[in-house]
Amino acid sequence: MASTAIHLTWFNPVQLEWGPDLLRTHRPDQPFFVLADPHAIPLAMEADLKRHWGELCLGWIWQRSAQSSITAALELCRQLWPLWATQPDTALLAIGGGTTLDLAKLARFELQDLSLAPAVWRSNKLPADHRRHALWCAPTTSGTGSEVTPWATLWDLDAQPAVKRSWASSQGFADQAWIDPNLTLSCPEGLTRDTALDTLAHALESIWNHHANAITRPLAVRSARMVLQTLPALLKNPHNTDLREQMSQASLLAALAMSQTQTALAHALSYDLTLNENLPHGHACAVWLPMVLDMAAAISPQVQGDLATIFDGPANQASETLSAWLQSLGIVPRDLRSTPAGLEQLHQALGSSRGRNFVGSTA
């Protein structure tokens, strides 16, 4: 019998710590600055955490930008880099959602000249004389996965038209991830739903992916099942710590899978909806999931098998089941395959960097 060829690679250097109340109990081993989102944690928590950390916490910056844009990144660097000028061996602890963590990923690379930063970020190429500072990430949502991936979303709002860029340094992984599910208890209903949908998108997009392998697929399957089972109950009972822990674990599993595969077609299609319709990222991804699922299942027996496990039924019914589940959460799925304009949009997305990861792409 001929052996089956498999694609099997793995690299993720992030040191993981997971546990309820981790932020209040974990003791770092070196001094650090804090970058925190005031919408994600109470302002009063600053004093509590400073008491716990003592002299190790050397500074605190509140991150108030709603988007990880070039303008927001520049403002953060103006505050953070002078601190590193006097304390160069100090780590950065980022506490917040995807925007905060992504901005921290950009700012942790200190350049000789701040005026060069936008060109460096747009070119996605670090100069030789940069300095990379230690970065620790504590996510306050269950969804983005930024704490264990090397990439950062960068919105270039000054471009005409505005575009979504991806900062993808080979050195971009955080050094540590402190994942405390209790930090998500303050998430409002809409953010809880949309970040969980992002988790689901990460999981499914890791399955219908050219880079899927024998390590990533079980992680993605488990994550997708957990989201489908947990999210409706969590939205009805948002203060249930057990459900928050389940969603936190689902997010981490999907992020670990996605850290190896990257995302695919649904993400490629989502960015225009975020830019032009102001849809939150998870919502913008979710509207395309049933269509992309249907396309992937028609192509790949591997995808069919994974979908049957996720949905506890035949793969050819998975798209309909997912559509009904999304609609129960207020998400209206979309399909581009019925019009020439839609097919052209789909063709362009398949040729994009994310679209090329999709199992149906030949680009």
Protein backbone atom coordinates (compact mmCIF):
# COMPACT_ATOMS: atom_id res chain seq x y z
CA MET A 1 0.00 0.00 0.00
CA ALA A 2 1.36 3.43 -0.95
CA SER A 3 1.89 5.81 1.94
CA THR A 4 -0.27 8.91 2.15
CA ALA A 5 1.56 12.19 1.66
CA ILE A 6 0.79 14.69 4.38
CA HIS A 7 1.64 18.32 4.94
CA LEU A 8 2.90 18.59 8.51
CA THR A 9 4.61 21.68 9.88
CA TRP A 10 4.37 23.54 13.18
CA PHE A 11 6.06 26.57 14.67
CA ASN A 12 4.61 28.61 17.52
CA PRO A 13 7.10 29.99 20.05
CA VAL A 14 4.56 31.73 22.34
CA GLN A 15 4.73 30.64 25.97
CA LEU A 16 1.12 30.04 27.05
CA GLU A 17 -0.48 30.48 30.45
CA TRP A 18 -4.25 29.90 30.76
CA GLY A 19 -6.44 30.19 33.81
CA PRO A 20 -9.22 32.14 35.55
CA ASP A 21 -7.91 35.23 37.41
CA LEU A 22 -4.48 34.67 35.88
CA LEU A 23 -3.83 38.40 35.58
CA ARG A 24 -4.21 38.82 39.35
CA THR A 25 -2.10 35.80 40.29
CA HIS A 26 0.65 35.53 37.67
CA ARG A 27 3.96 37.09 38.69
CA PRO A 28 6.21 38.19 35.79
CA ASP A 29 9.95 37.63 35.93
CA GLN A 30 11.06 41.04 34.60
CA PRO A 31 9.94 44.70 34.63
CA PHE A 32 7.28 45.77 32.12
CA PHE A 33 5.06 48.57 30.84
CA VAL A 34 1.31 48.06 30.43
CA LEU A 35 -0.79 48.99 27.42
CA ALA A 36 -4.48 48.55 28.30
CA ASP A 37 -7.86 49.22 26.70
CA PRO A 38 -10.13 51.15 29.11
CA HIS A 39 -13.17 49.71 27.33
CA ALA A 40 -11.97 46.20 28.15
CA ILE A 41 -10.97 46.45 31.80
CA PRO A 42 -12.23 48.79 34.55
CA LEU A 43 -10.11 51.87 35.22
CA ALA A 44 -10.01 50.86 38.88
CA MET A 45 -8.18 47.66 37.93
CA GLU A 46 -5.04 49.70 37.28
CA ALA A 47 -4.53 50.34 41.00
CA ASP A 48 -5.32 46.73 41.95
CA LEU A 49 -2.88 45.28 39.43
CA LYS A 50 -0.15 47.78 40.29
CA ARG A 51 -0.43 46.70 43.94
CA HIS A 52 -0.12 43.05 42.88
CA TRP A 53 2.84 43.62 40.56
CA GLY A 54 4.61 46.19 42.71
CA GLU A 55 7.84 47.64 41.37
CA LEU A 56 7.81 45.39 38.31
CA CYS A 57 5.19 47.62 36.63
CA LEU A 58 7.12 50.66 35.44
CA GLY A 59 4.44 52.48 33.45
CA TRP A 60 0.83 52.36 32.25
CA ILE A 61 -0.65 53.57 28.94
CA TRP A 62 -4.38 53.56 28.22
CA GLN A 63 -5.05 52.62 24.57
CA ARG A 64 -8.19 54.42 23.40
CA SER A 65 -8.19 53.94 19.63
CA ALA A 66 -11.06 51.99 18.11
CA GLN A 67 -8.93 50.71 15.21
CA SER A 68 -5.39 49.46 14.74
CA SER A 69 -4.64 52.20 12.24
CA ILE A 70 -1.35 53.80 11.21
CA THR A 71 -2.38 56.97 13.07
CA ALA A 72 -3.09 55.03 16.27
CA ALA A 73 0.18 53.11 15.98
CA LEU A 74 2.16 56.34 15.60
CA GLU A 75 0.49 57.84 18.68
CA LEU A 76 1.35 54.73 20.71
CA CYS A 77 4.98 54.81 19.57
CA ARG A 78 5.24 58.47 20.61
CA GLN A 79 4.26 57.44 24.14
CA LEU A 80 6.06 54.12 24.37
CA TRP A 81 9.42 54.55 22.66
CA PRO A 82 10.63 57.34 25.01
CA LEU A 83 9.96 54.96 27.92
CA TRP A 84 12.13 52.33 26.28
CA ALA A 85 14.87 54.93 25.76
CA THR A 86 15.42 54.93 29.54
CA GLN A 87 14.34 51.32 30.26
CA PRO A 88 15.39 49.33 27.15
CA ASP A 89 15.08 45.88 28.72
CA THR A 90 11.48 46.36 29.85
CA ALA A 91 8.74 44.15 28.39
CA LEU A 92 5.35 45.35 27.12
CA LEU A 93 2.17 43.77 28.50
CA ALA A 94 -0.82 44.43 26.23
CA ILE A 95 -4.25 43.93 27.84
CA GLY A 96 -7.21 44.23 25.49
CA GLY A 97 -8.88 42.98 22.35
CA GLY A 98 -7.44 42.56 18.89
CA THR A 99 -6.90 46.28 18.32
CA THR A 100 -4.76 46.67 21.44
CA LEU A 101 -2.76 43.51 20.82
CA ASP A 102 -2.15 44.38 17.16
CA LEU A 103 -0.98 47.89 18.00
CA ALA A 104 1.40 46.42 20.57
CA LYS A 105 2.82 44.09 17.91
CA LEU A 106 3.67 47.09 15.76
CA ALA A 107 5.03 49.31 18.51
CA ARG A 108 7.27 46.63 20.06
CA PHE A 109 9.62 47.06 17.05
CA GLU A 110 11.44 50.27 17.94
CA LEU A 111 12.96 52.17 15.00
CA GLN A 112 15.69 54.80 14.94
CA ASP A 113 13.33 57.35 13.34
CA LEU A 114 9.59 57.41 14.04
CA SER A 115 8.93 59.28 10.78
CA LEU A 116 9.99 56.14 8.89
CA ALA A 117 7.47 53.92 10.67
CA PRO A 118 4.52 54.28 8.23
CA ALA A 119 6.72 53.32 5.27
CA VAL A 120 8.16 50.37 7.22
CA TRP A 121 4.68 49.16 8.18
CA ARG A 122 3.34 49.54 4.65
CA SER A 123 6.31 47.71 3.13
CA ASN A 124 6.15 45.00 5.79
CA LYS A 125 9.94 45.01 6.00
CA LEU A 126 11.96 45.86 9.11
CA PRO A 127 15.21 47.81 8.80
CA ALA A 128 18.34 46.14 10.15
CA ASP A 129 18.75 48.68 12.95
CA HIS A 130 15.38 48.03 14.65
CA ARG A 131 15.08 46.87 18.26
CA ARG A 132 12.58 44.14 19.17
CA HIS A 133 11.17 44.38 22.69
CA ALA A 134 9.59 41.55 24.65
CA LEU A 135 5.80 41.41 24.27
CA TRP A 136 3.23 39.71 26.51
CA CYS A 137 -0.42 39.58 25.45
CA ALA A 138 -3.48 39.24 27.70
CA PRO A 139 -6.62 39.07 25.52
CA THR A 140 -9.88 40.43 26.92
CA THR A 141 -12.04 38.87 24.20
CA SER A 142 -12.44 35.31 22.95
CA GLY A 143 -11.95 35.64 19.25
CA THR A 144 -9.08 37.45 17.58
CA GLY A 145 -6.32 34.98 18.39
CA SER A 146 -3.74 37.75 18.09
CA GLU A 147 -2.02 36.57 21.27
CA VAL A 148 -0.63 33.45 19.55
CA THR A 149 -0.24 34.60 15.92
CA PRO A 150 2.61 36.60 14.32
CA TRP A 151 0.39 38.97 12.33
CA ALA A 152 -1.24 42.30 13.07
CA THR A 153 -4.04 44.01 11.20
CA LEU A 154 -3.15 47.55 10.15
CA TRP A 155 -5.84 49.81 8.71
CA ASP A 156 -4.32 52.34 6.32
CA LEU A 157 -7.06 54.96 6.45
CA ASP A 158 -4.94 57.57 4.65
CA ALA A 159 -4.72 55.49 1.48
CA GLN A 160 -7.18 56.22 -1.34
CA PRO A 161 -9.23 54.14 -1.00
CA ALA A 162 -8.60 53.04 2.59
CA VAL A 163 -7.14 49.53 2.76
CA LYS A 164 -6.54 46.78 5.29
CA ARG A 165 -2.90 45.81 5.52
CA SER A 166 -1.29 42.93 7.37
CA TRP A 167 1.88 43.34 9.41
CA ALA A 168 3.50 39.93 9.11
CA SER A 169 7.02 39.99 10.49
CA SER A 170 8.74 36.63 10.97
CA GLN A 171 9.55 37.93 14.47
CA GLY A 172 5.96 38.95 15.12
CA PHE A 173 4.92 36.35 17.70
CA ALA A 174 4.43 37.56 21.26
CA ASP A 175 6.82 36.06 23.78
CA GLN A 176 4.08 35.15 26.23
CA ALA A 177 0.28 34.91 26.22
CA TRP A 178 -1.62 35.25 29.51
CA ILE A 179 -5.13 34.01 28.78
CA ASP A 180 -7.56 34.76 31.59
CA PRO A 181 -11.17 33.92 30.65
CA ASN A 182 -12.47 36.11 33.47
CA LEU A 183 -11.23 39.15 31.54
CA THR A 184 -14.00 38.44 29.00
CA LEU A 185 -16.78 38.75 31.59
CA SER A 186 -17.03 42.47 30.86
CA CYS A 187 -17.60 41.95 27.12
CA PRO A 188 -21.00 43.30 26.02
CA GLU A 189 -23.35 41.05 24.10
CA GLY A 190 -22.47 42.33 20.64
CA LEU A 191 -18.73 42.02 21.16
CA THR A 192 -19.13 38.57 22.71
CA ARG A 193 -21.08 37.39 19.68
CA ASP A 194 -18.84 38.95 17.04
CA THR A 195 -15.56 37.79 18.55
CA ALA A 196 -16.96 34.28 18.95
CA LEU A 197 -17.94 34.36 15.27
CA ASP A 198 -14.35 35.31 14.51
CA THR A 199 -13.26 32.22 16.45
CA LEU A 200 -15.65 30.10 14.38
CA ALA A 201 -14.28 31.63 11.19
CA HIS A 202 -10.70 30.91 12.28
CA ALA A 203 -11.60 27.31 13.02
CA LEU A 204 -13.49 26.64 9.77
CA GLU A 205 -10.98 28.54 7.64
CA SER A 206 -8.22 26.37 9.14
CA ILE A 207 -10.08 23.30 7.87
CA TRP A 208 -10.77 24.34 4.25
CA ASN A 209 -7.17 25.46 3.87
CA HIS A 210 -4.23 24.35 1.72
CA HIS A 211 -2.08 24.45 4.87
CA ALA A 212 -4.35 22.28 7.03
CA ASN A 213 -2.56 19.31 8.55
CA ALA A 214 -2.88 16.49 11.05
CA ILE A 215 -2.15 18.82 13.99
CA THR A 216 -4.26 21.83 13.01
CA ARG A 217 -7.39 19.98 11.91
CA PRO A 218 -8.27 18.37 15.28
CA LEU A 219 -7.75 21.73 17.00
CA ALA A 220 -10.02 23.45 14.49
CA VAL A 221 -12.72 20.77 14.63
CA ARG A 222 -12.81 20.86 18.43
CA SER A 223 -12.97 24.67 18.44
CA ALA A 224 -15.80 24.86 15.92
CA ARG A 225 -17.88 22.34 17.88
CA MET A 226 -17.33 24.30 21.08
CA VAL A 227 -18.44 27.59 19.52
CA LEU A 228 -21.58 26.08 18.01
CA GLN A 229 -22.54 24.50 21.33
CA THR A 230 -21.50 27.34 23.65
CA LEU A 231 -22.26 30.69 22.02
CA PRO A 232 -26.10 30.62 22.07
CA ALA A 233 -26.08 29.67 25.76
CA LEU A 234 -23.43 32.28 26.57
CA LEU A 235 -25.43 35.08 24.97
CA LYS A 236 -28.35 34.16 27.23
CA ASN A 237 -26.14 33.92 30.32
CA PRO A 238 -23.12 36.21 29.76
CA HIS A 239 -21.92 36.09 33.38
CA ASN A 240 -21.60 32.30 33.45
CA THR A 241 -17.92 31.67 34.13
CA ASP A 242 -18.02 28.07 32.85
CA LEU A 243 -19.33 29.23 29.47
CA ARG A 244 -16.75 32.02 29.33
CA GLU A 245 -14.03 29.45 29.98
CA GLN A 246 -15.37 27.21 27.21
CA MET A 247 -15.36 30.09 24.74
CA SER A 248 -11.87 31.13 25.82
CA GLN A 249 -10.59 27.62 25.17
CA ALA A 250 -12.35 27.50 21.80
CA SER A 251 -10.72 30.79 20.83
CA LEU A 252 -7.27 29.56 21.81
CA LEU A 253 -7.62 26.27 19.92
CA ALA A 254 -8.77 28.06 16.76
CA ALA A 255 -5.99 30.61 17.07
CA LEU A 256 -3.34 27.91 17.43
CA ALA A 257 -4.64 26.21 14.28
CA MET A 258 -4.86 29.51 12.40
CA SER A 259 -1.34 30.47 13.48
CA GLN A 260 -0.14 27.69 11.17
CA THR A 261 -2.66 27.86 8.30
CA GLN A 262 -3.57 31.58 8.17
CA THR A 263 -7.12 32.47 7.20
CA ALA A 264 -8.75 31.97 3.81
CA LEU A 265 -11.61 33.03 1.55
CA ALA A 266 -14.22 34.20 4.08
CA HIS A 267 -11.67 36.57 5.60
CA ALA A 268 -10.62 37.82 2.17
CA LEU A 269 -14.24 38.73 1.46
CA SER A 270 -14.82 40.29 4.89
CA TYR A 271 -12.54 43.33 4.67
CA ASP A 272 -14.69 45.31 2.21
CA LEU A 273 -17.70 44.84 4.50
CA THR A 274 -15.77 46.22 7.46
CA LEU A 275 -14.48 49.20 5.46
CA ASN A 276 -17.63 50.01 3.49
CA GLU A 277 -20.47 48.82 5.73
CA ASN A 278 -18.81 49.16 9.14
CA LEU A 279 -19.60 45.55 10.00
CA PRO A 280 -17.55 44.21 12.94
CA HIS A 281 -14.87 41.81 11.75
CA GLY A 282 -16.44 38.62 13.11
CA HIS A 283 -19.84 39.53 11.64
CA ALA A 284 -18.24 40.37 8.29
CA CYS A 285 -16.54 36.97 8.17
CA ALA A 286 -19.58 35.03 9.33
CA VAL A 287 -21.90 36.18 6.54
CA TRP A 288 -19.69 34.32 4.04
CA LEU A 289 -19.14 31.10 5.98
CA PRO A 290 -22.11 29.06 4.64
CA MET A 291 -21.24 29.89 1.01
CA VAL A 292 -17.54 29.11 1.47
CA LEU A 293 -18.38 25.95 3.42
CA ASP A 294 -20.59 24.78 0.54
CA MET A 295 -17.80 25.43 -1.97
CA ALA A 296 -15.18 23.63 0.14
CA ALA A 297 -17.36 20.60 0.82
CA ALA A 298 -17.94 20.16 -2.92
CA ILE A 299 -14.18 19.97 -3.50
CA SER A 300 -12.52 18.19 -0.59
CA PRO A 301 -13.30 14.79 1.01
CA GLN A 302 -11.14 15.88 3.96
CA VAL A 303 -13.36 18.92 4.50
CA GLN A 304 -16.45 16.75 4.17
CA GLY A 305 -15.22 14.45 6.95
CA ASP A 306 -14.36 17.31 9.27
CA LEU A 307 -17.71 19.02 8.67
CA ALA A 308 -19.58 15.80 9.43
CA THR A 309 -17.80 15.67 12.79
CA ILE A 310 -18.43 19.34 13.56
CA PHE A 311 -22.14 19.30 12.69
CA ASP A 312 -22.95 15.72 13.74
CA GLY A 313 -24.52 15.02 10.37
CA PRO A 314 -23.95 14.68 6.63
CA ALA A 315 -21.56 17.25 5.18
CA ASN A 316 -24.05 18.14 2.43
CA GLN A 317 -26.38 19.52 5.11
CA ALA A 318 -23.73 21.51 6.97
CA SER A 319 -24.19 24.75 5.01
CA GLU A 320 -27.94 24.78 5.68
CA THR A 321 -27.39 23.95 9.36
CA LEU A 322 -24.80 26.72 9.73
CA SER A 323 -27.05 29.23 7.96
CA ALA A 324 -29.89 28.51 10.36
CA TRP A 325 -27.56 28.77 13.37
CA LEU A 326 -26.22 32.14 12.19
CA GLN A 327 -29.70 33.49 11.50
CA SER A 328 -30.72 32.56 15.06
CA LEU A 329 -27.95 34.95 16.18
CA GLY A 330 -29.08 37.77 13.90
CA ILE A 331 -26.56 37.13 11.09
CA VAL A 332 -27.88 37.04 7.51
CA PRO A 333 -25.62 34.90 5.27
CA ARG A 334 -24.67 36.14 1.81
CA ASP A 335 -23.89 34.32 -1.44
CA LEU A 336 -22.04 35.74 -4.44
CA ARG A 337 -22.65 32.91 -6.88
CA SER A 338 -25.95 34.01 -8.37
CA THR A 339 -24.83 37.10 -10.33
CA PRO A 340 -21.97 37.93 -12.73
CA ALA A 341 -20.85 40.78 -10.45
CA GLY A 342 -20.83 38.44 -7.48
CA LEU A 343 -18.83 35.83 -9.36
CA GLU A 344 -16.28 38.46 -10.34
CA GLN A 345 -15.95 39.55 -6.68
CA LEU A 346 -15.48 35.92 -5.70
CA HIS A 347 -12.84 35.43 -8.40
CA GLN A 348 -10.89 38.46 -7.19
CA ALA A 349 -11.03 37.28 -3.57
CA LEU A 350 -9.75 33.83 -4.56
CA GLY A 351 -6.70 35.50 -6.07
CA SER A 352 -5.90 37.51 -2.94
CA SER A 353 -3.28 36.48 -0.38
CA ARG A 354 -5.92 35.05 1.95
CA GLY A 355 -8.06 33.63 -0.85
CA ARG A 356 -5.13 31.59 -2.15
CA ASN A 357 -5.14 29.61 1.11
CA PHE A 358 -8.62 28.25 0.30
CA VAL A 359 -8.68 24.62 -0.90
CA GLY A 360 -10.66 25.68 -3.98
CA SER A 361 -8.08 28.22 -5.09
CA THR A 362 -5.62 27.30 -7.82
CA ALA A 363 -3.83 30.68 -7.79
